[in-house]
N, C-alpha and C. Protein backbone atom coordinates (compact mmCIF):
# COMPACT_ATOMS: atom_id res chain seq x y z
N MET A 1 7.38 7.34 -20.11
CA MET A 1 6.42 7.16 -19.05
C MET A 1 5.51 5.98 -19.41
N ARG A 2 5.23 5.15 -18.45
CA ARG A 2 4.39 3.98 -18.69
C ARG A 2 2.93 4.42 -18.92
N PRO A 3 2.27 3.74 -19.84
CA PRO A 3 0.87 4.09 -20.12
C PRO A 3 -0.05 3.97 -18.90
N GLU A 4 0.23 3.00 -18.00
CA GLU A 4 -0.68 2.83 -16.86
C GLU A 4 -0.64 4.00 -15.89
N GLN A 5 0.37 4.83 -16.00
CA GLN A 5 0.42 6.02 -15.15
C GLN A 5 -0.64 7.04 -15.57
N GLN A 6 -1.15 6.88 -16.78
CA GLN A 6 -2.13 7.81 -17.31
C GLN A 6 -3.57 7.28 -17.24
N SER A 7 -3.73 6.02 -16.83
CA SER A 7 -5.06 5.41 -16.94
C SER A 7 -5.37 4.53 -15.73
N ASP A 8 -6.49 4.83 -15.07
CA ASP A 8 -6.93 3.99 -13.95
C ASP A 8 -7.22 2.57 -14.42
N LYS A 9 -7.84 2.44 -15.59
CA LYS A 9 -8.18 1.12 -16.11
C LYS A 9 -6.91 0.29 -16.38
N LEU A 10 -5.91 0.90 -16.97
CA LEU A 10 -4.65 0.19 -17.22
C LEU A 10 -3.97 -0.19 -15.91
N ARG A 11 -4.04 0.66 -14.91
CA ARG A 11 -3.46 0.35 -13.59
C ARG A 11 -4.16 -0.86 -12.98
N ARG A 12 -5.49 -0.88 -13.07
CA ARG A 12 -6.25 -2.01 -12.53
C ARG A 12 -5.90 -3.30 -13.27
N CYS A 13 -5.77 -3.22 -14.59
CA CYS A 13 -5.38 -4.41 -15.38
C CYS A 13 -3.99 -4.87 -14.99
N ARG A 14 -3.06 -3.94 -14.84
CA ARG A 14 -1.70 -4.29 -14.41
C ARG A 14 -1.73 -4.95 -13.05
N ASP A 15 -2.46 -4.37 -12.12
CA ASP A 15 -2.52 -4.92 -10.77
C ASP A 15 -3.16 -6.31 -10.75
N THR A 16 -4.16 -6.50 -11.59
CA THR A 16 -4.79 -7.83 -11.70
C THR A 16 -3.79 -8.84 -12.25
N ALA A 17 -3.08 -8.47 -13.29
CA ALA A 17 -2.08 -9.37 -13.89
C ALA A 17 -0.98 -9.71 -12.88
N LEU A 18 -0.54 -8.72 -12.13
CA LEU A 18 0.49 -8.98 -11.12
C LEU A 18 -0.03 -9.88 -10.01
N GLY A 19 -1.30 -9.71 -9.65
CA GLY A 19 -1.90 -10.58 -8.64
C GLY A 19 -2.00 -12.02 -9.11
N VAL A 20 -2.34 -12.21 -10.39
CA VAL A 20 -2.40 -13.56 -10.95
C VAL A 20 -1.01 -14.18 -10.95
N ALA A 21 -0.02 -13.42 -11.39
CA ALA A 21 1.36 -13.93 -11.41
C ALA A 21 1.82 -14.29 -9.99
N ARG A 22 1.49 -13.46 -9.01
CA ARG A 22 1.85 -13.73 -7.61
C ARG A 22 1.20 -15.04 -7.14
N SER A 23 -0.06 -15.21 -7.46
CA SER A 23 -0.76 -16.45 -7.07
C SER A 23 -0.12 -17.67 -7.73
N GLN A 24 0.27 -17.52 -8.97
CA GLN A 24 0.92 -18.64 -9.66
C GLN A 24 2.26 -18.98 -9.01
N LEU A 25 3.02 -17.96 -8.64
CA LEU A 25 4.30 -18.22 -7.95
C LEU A 25 4.06 -18.93 -6.63
N GLU A 26 3.04 -18.48 -5.89
CA GLU A 26 2.74 -19.12 -4.61
C GLU A 26 2.36 -20.58 -4.80
N ALA A 27 1.66 -20.88 -5.89
CA ALA A 27 1.25 -22.27 -6.15
C ALA A 27 2.44 -23.11 -6.62
N VAL A 28 3.21 -22.59 -7.55
CA VAL A 28 4.34 -23.34 -8.10
C VAL A 28 5.39 -23.63 -7.04
N PHE A 29 5.65 -22.66 -6.18
CA PHE A 29 6.69 -22.80 -5.17
C PHE A 29 6.13 -23.04 -3.77
N ALA A 30 4.95 -23.64 -3.70
CA ALA A 30 4.29 -23.86 -2.41
C ALA A 30 5.17 -24.64 -1.43
N ALA A 31 5.82 -25.68 -1.90
CA ALA A 31 6.67 -26.49 -1.02
C ALA A 31 7.85 -25.68 -0.50
N GLU A 32 8.43 -24.87 -1.38
CA GLU A 32 9.57 -24.04 -0.97
C GLU A 32 9.15 -22.96 0.03
N PHE A 33 7.97 -22.38 -0.18
CA PHE A 33 7.46 -21.39 0.78
C PHE A 33 7.19 -22.04 2.13
N ALA A 34 6.60 -23.23 2.10
CA ALA A 34 6.27 -23.93 3.35
C ALA A 34 7.52 -24.27 4.14
N ALA A 35 8.64 -24.47 3.46
CA ALA A 35 9.88 -24.84 4.14
C ALA A 35 10.59 -23.63 4.77
N GLN A 36 10.10 -22.42 4.49
CA GLN A 36 10.72 -21.20 5.00
C GLN A 36 10.07 -20.76 6.30
N PRO A 37 10.83 -20.09 7.16
CA PRO A 37 10.21 -19.48 8.33
C PRO A 37 9.17 -18.45 7.85
N GLU A 38 8.09 -18.30 8.59
CA GLU A 38 7.00 -17.42 8.15
C GLU A 38 7.48 -16.01 7.81
N GLY A 39 8.39 -15.47 8.58
CA GLY A 39 8.88 -14.12 8.34
C GLY A 39 9.68 -13.96 7.06
N ARG A 40 10.17 -15.04 6.51
CA ARG A 40 10.97 -14.98 5.29
C ARG A 40 10.13 -15.20 4.03
N ARG A 41 8.93 -15.70 4.16
CA ARG A 41 8.10 -16.03 3.00
C ARG A 41 7.78 -14.80 2.15
N ALA A 42 7.45 -13.70 2.78
CA ALA A 42 7.13 -12.47 2.03
C ALA A 42 8.35 -11.97 1.27
N LEU A 43 9.52 -12.06 1.89
CA LEU A 43 10.76 -11.64 1.23
C LEU A 43 11.04 -12.55 0.03
N LEU A 44 10.86 -13.85 0.21
CA LEU A 44 11.08 -14.79 -0.88
C LEU A 44 10.09 -14.52 -2.02
N LEU A 45 8.83 -14.29 -1.70
CA LEU A 45 7.84 -14.00 -2.73
C LEU A 45 8.20 -12.72 -3.49
N ALA A 46 8.60 -11.69 -2.78
CA ALA A 46 8.98 -10.43 -3.43
C ALA A 46 10.18 -10.65 -4.35
N GLY A 47 11.14 -11.43 -3.89
CA GLY A 47 12.31 -11.72 -4.73
C GLY A 47 11.93 -12.50 -5.97
N LEU A 48 11.06 -13.49 -5.82
CA LEU A 48 10.62 -14.27 -6.97
C LEU A 48 9.78 -13.42 -7.93
N GLU A 49 8.94 -12.55 -7.40
CA GLU A 49 8.14 -11.66 -8.27
C GLU A 49 9.06 -10.79 -9.11
N THR A 50 10.07 -10.23 -8.48
CA THR A 50 11.00 -9.37 -9.20
C THR A 50 11.81 -10.16 -10.20
N THR A 51 12.33 -11.29 -9.76
CA THR A 51 13.18 -12.12 -10.61
C THR A 51 12.45 -12.63 -11.84
N THR A 52 11.19 -12.99 -11.69
CA THR A 52 10.45 -13.56 -12.81
C THR A 52 9.67 -12.52 -13.62
N SER A 53 9.81 -11.26 -13.28
CA SER A 53 9.10 -10.22 -14.01
C SER A 53 9.65 -10.07 -15.42
N TRP A 54 8.78 -9.61 -16.31
CA TRP A 54 9.21 -9.38 -17.68
C TRP A 54 10.33 -8.35 -17.71
N GLU A 55 10.24 -7.33 -16.86
CA GLU A 55 11.26 -6.28 -16.87
C GLU A 55 12.63 -6.84 -16.52
N ALA A 56 12.68 -7.68 -15.50
CA ALA A 56 13.97 -8.28 -15.12
C ALA A 56 14.49 -9.17 -16.24
N TRP A 57 13.60 -9.99 -16.78
CA TRP A 57 14.02 -10.87 -17.87
C TRP A 57 14.51 -10.07 -19.06
N HIS A 58 13.79 -9.05 -19.45
CA HIS A 58 14.18 -8.23 -20.60
C HIS A 58 15.56 -7.59 -20.36
N HIS A 59 15.78 -7.10 -19.17
CA HIS A 59 17.04 -6.45 -18.84
C HIS A 59 18.21 -7.43 -18.85
N LEU A 60 17.98 -8.63 -18.40
CA LEU A 60 19.06 -9.59 -18.24
C LEU A 60 19.13 -10.68 -19.31
N ARG A 61 18.31 -10.59 -20.32
CA ARG A 61 18.16 -11.70 -21.25
C ARG A 61 19.41 -12.07 -22.03
N PHE A 62 20.39 -11.20 -22.07
CA PHE A 62 21.59 -11.51 -22.84
C PHE A 62 22.69 -12.16 -22.00
N THR A 63 22.43 -12.40 -20.73
CA THR A 63 23.42 -13.10 -19.92
C THR A 63 23.06 -14.57 -19.85
N ARG A 64 23.92 -15.36 -19.26
CA ARG A 64 23.75 -16.82 -19.24
C ARG A 64 22.62 -17.23 -18.30
N ASN A 65 21.46 -17.51 -18.82
CA ASN A 65 20.29 -18.01 -18.11
C ASN A 65 20.08 -17.34 -16.74
N PRO A 66 19.95 -16.02 -16.70
CA PRO A 66 19.85 -15.32 -15.42
C PRO A 66 18.62 -15.70 -14.61
N MET A 67 17.51 -15.98 -15.27
CA MET A 67 16.29 -16.30 -14.55
C MET A 67 16.49 -17.53 -13.68
N ALA A 68 17.00 -18.60 -14.26
CA ALA A 68 17.20 -19.84 -13.49
C ALA A 68 18.21 -19.62 -12.38
N LEU A 69 19.27 -18.88 -12.66
CA LEU A 69 20.29 -18.63 -11.63
C LEU A 69 19.72 -17.85 -10.46
N MET A 70 18.91 -16.82 -10.74
CA MET A 70 18.35 -16.02 -9.65
C MET A 70 17.32 -16.81 -8.85
N ILE A 71 16.48 -17.59 -9.53
CA ILE A 71 15.49 -18.39 -8.81
C ILE A 71 16.20 -19.41 -7.92
N GLU A 72 17.19 -20.07 -8.47
CA GLU A 72 17.94 -21.05 -7.68
C GLU A 72 18.59 -20.40 -6.46
N ALA A 73 19.17 -19.23 -6.65
CA ALA A 73 19.80 -18.53 -5.53
C ALA A 73 18.79 -18.14 -4.46
N LEU A 74 17.63 -17.64 -4.87
CA LEU A 74 16.60 -17.27 -3.90
C LEU A 74 16.12 -18.46 -3.12
N LEU A 75 15.91 -19.58 -3.79
CA LEU A 75 15.38 -20.77 -3.11
C LEU A 75 16.45 -21.45 -2.27
N ALA A 76 17.71 -21.29 -2.59
CA ALA A 76 18.79 -21.95 -1.87
C ALA A 76 19.18 -21.21 -0.59
N THR A 77 18.81 -19.96 -0.47
CA THR A 77 19.19 -19.15 0.68
C THR A 77 18.69 -19.82 1.97
N GLY A 78 19.60 -19.98 2.91
CA GLY A 78 19.22 -20.56 4.18
C GLY A 78 19.33 -22.06 4.22
N ARG A 79 19.67 -22.68 3.11
CA ARG A 79 19.84 -24.13 3.10
C ARG A 79 21.28 -24.48 3.43
N PRO A 80 21.50 -25.64 4.03
CA PRO A 80 22.89 -26.06 4.32
C PRO A 80 23.68 -26.32 3.08
């Protein structure tokens, strides 16, 4: 069981950290978000949040550069 499930303070810290990471993704990929239809931006952000999470990286770290492959796939969706 995750420690934050037992502590309001840890949950708030986790949520703050996730909010910072989300803001960073929005800044780093601002041009890519702007190029997407408005309805797809939230889906792209959710995919990037999941793909760049420590949990995803930890789970996939033994395969061939999964982070770059997943980010590239998410950003390429809908392009000719």
